[in-house]
Protein backbone atom coordinates (compact mmCIF):
# COMPACT_ATOMS: atom_id res chain seq x y z
CA MET A 1 116.42 -26.18 -115.03
CA PRO A 2 119.84 -27.78 -114.88
CA ALA A 3 122.92 -25.76 -114.03
CA TYR A 4 126.45 -26.37 -115.22
CA VAL A 5 129.65 -25.60 -113.35
CA ILE A 6 132.48 -25.04 -115.82
CA VAL A 7 136.13 -24.84 -114.80
CA ASP A 8 139.29 -23.92 -116.68
CA VAL A 9 142.35 -24.73 -114.59
CA LYS A 10 146.10 -24.78 -115.08
CA VAL A 11 147.63 -27.28 -112.69
CA THR A 12 151.19 -26.52 -111.57
CA ASP A 13 151.57 -29.15 -108.83
CA PRO A 14 149.98 -32.39 -110.07
CA GLU A 15 150.75 -34.33 -106.90
CA GLN A 16 149.02 -31.79 -104.67
CA TYR A 17 146.17 -31.42 -107.16
CA LYS A 18 145.47 -35.16 -106.85
CA GLN A 19 144.28 -34.48 -103.30
CA TYR A 20 141.66 -32.07 -104.68
CA MET A 21 140.67 -34.55 -107.37
CA ALA A 22 140.15 -37.23 -104.74
CA LEU A 23 137.79 -35.05 -102.67
CA SER A 24 135.79 -33.08 -105.25
CA PRO A 25 133.67 -35.98 -106.64
CA ALA A 26 132.01 -36.61 -103.26
CA ALA A 27 131.19 -32.91 -102.92
CA ILE A 28 129.62 -32.86 -106.38
CA GLU A 29 127.63 -36.07 -105.82
CA ALA A 30 126.39 -34.89 -102.40
CA ALA A 31 124.73 -31.91 -104.11
CA GLY A 32 123.11 -34.09 -106.77
CA GLY A 33 125.70 -33.33 -109.42
CA ARG A 34 127.71 -35.41 -111.82
CA PHE A 35 130.79 -34.88 -113.95
CA LEU A 36 130.24 -34.42 -117.67
CA VAL A 37 133.85 -33.51 -118.48
CA ARG A 38 136.92 -34.08 -116.35
CA GLY A 39 140.01 -33.20 -118.33
CA GLY A 40 140.32 -34.96 -121.65
CA ALA A 41 141.18 -33.84 -125.14
CA HIS A 42 139.78 -30.56 -126.35
CA GLU A 43 140.13 -28.37 -129.41
CA VAL A 44 139.53 -24.65 -129.91
CA PHE A 45 137.21 -24.07 -132.86
CA GLU A 46 137.10 -20.26 -132.71
CA GLY A 47 138.54 -17.40 -130.73
CA ASN A 48 141.64 -16.86 -128.62
CA TRP A 49 140.70 -18.90 -125.55
CA GLN A 50 143.39 -21.48 -124.84
CA PRO A 51 141.99 -23.61 -122.03
CA THR A 52 144.35 -25.89 -120.20
CA ARG A 53 142.23 -28.40 -118.30
CA LEU A 54 138.44 -28.22 -118.62
CA VAL A 55 135.96 -29.66 -116.16
CA MET A 56 132.17 -29.53 -116.34
CA ALA A 57 129.63 -30.78 -113.84
CA GLU A 58 125.85 -30.84 -114.18
CA PHE A 59 123.52 -30.10 -111.26
CA PRO A 60 119.74 -30.26 -111.05
CA ASP A 61 119.51 -26.46 -110.70
CA LEU A 62 121.39 -23.33 -109.64
CA ALA A 63 120.53 -23.90 -105.98
CA ALA A 64 122.19 -27.34 -106.07
CA ALA A 65 125.29 -25.89 -107.74
CA ARG A 66 125.50 -23.22 -105.04
CA ALA A 67 125.01 -25.87 -102.34
CA PHE A 68 127.94 -27.80 -103.82
CA TYR A 69 130.20 -24.75 -103.88
CA ASP A 70 129.30 -23.69 -100.34
CA SER A 71 129.46 -27.20 -98.83
CA ALA A 72 131.93 -28.25 -96.15
CA LYS A 73 133.08 -31.08 -98.43
CA TYR A 74 133.99 -28.68 -101.22
CA ARG A 75 135.63 -26.21 -98.85
CA GLU A 76 137.87 -29.10 -97.77
CA ALA A 77 138.67 -29.92 -101.40
CA ARG A 78 139.46 -26.26 -102.16
CA ALA A 79 141.84 -26.14 -99.20
CA LYS A 80 143.75 -29.13 -100.63
CA ARG A 81 143.92 -27.38 -104.02
CA ALA A 82 145.46 -24.17 -102.64
CA GLY A 83 148.83 -23.55 -104.25
CA ALA A 84 148.50 -26.37 -106.79
CA THR A 85 147.31 -24.23 -109.71
CA GLU A 86 148.42 -21.18 -111.65
CA PHE A 87 144.76 -20.32 -112.15
CA PHE A 88 141.39 -21.86 -111.40
CA ASN A 89 138.43 -20.18 -113.12
CA MET A 90 134.96 -21.46 -112.24
CA VAL A 91 131.57 -20.28 -113.48
CA VAL A 92 128.05 -21.61 -113.17
CA VAL A 93 125.51 -21.21 -115.94
CA GLN A 94 121.86 -22.09 -116.01
CA GLY A 95 120.92 -24.59 -118.69
CA VAL A 96 117.84 -24.73 -120.84
CA ASP A 97 114.56 -26.31 -119.83
CA ARG A 98 114.46 -29.92 -121.02
CA ALA A 99 110.71 -29.92 -121.49
């Protein structure tokens, strides 16, 4: 079953954050993932959640998502992101079987 990594982030240092943005795609692709959402317009339909910047990546399964997060490539990207955000919330959720 696919797995989805979902991020809500508030960037406070856009120049520094660009370093993270340059490195994270290779880490995602190396684990078999792909971006579905990377910023872009969004609208709250219900509730009090006020996301700032949303990102979503799809992986073949939970193991691949974990491999992405634990990879040396992503650790490097995270190091470049340090101090560039007010918050960075990331979750992974298992998708539904496509069959």
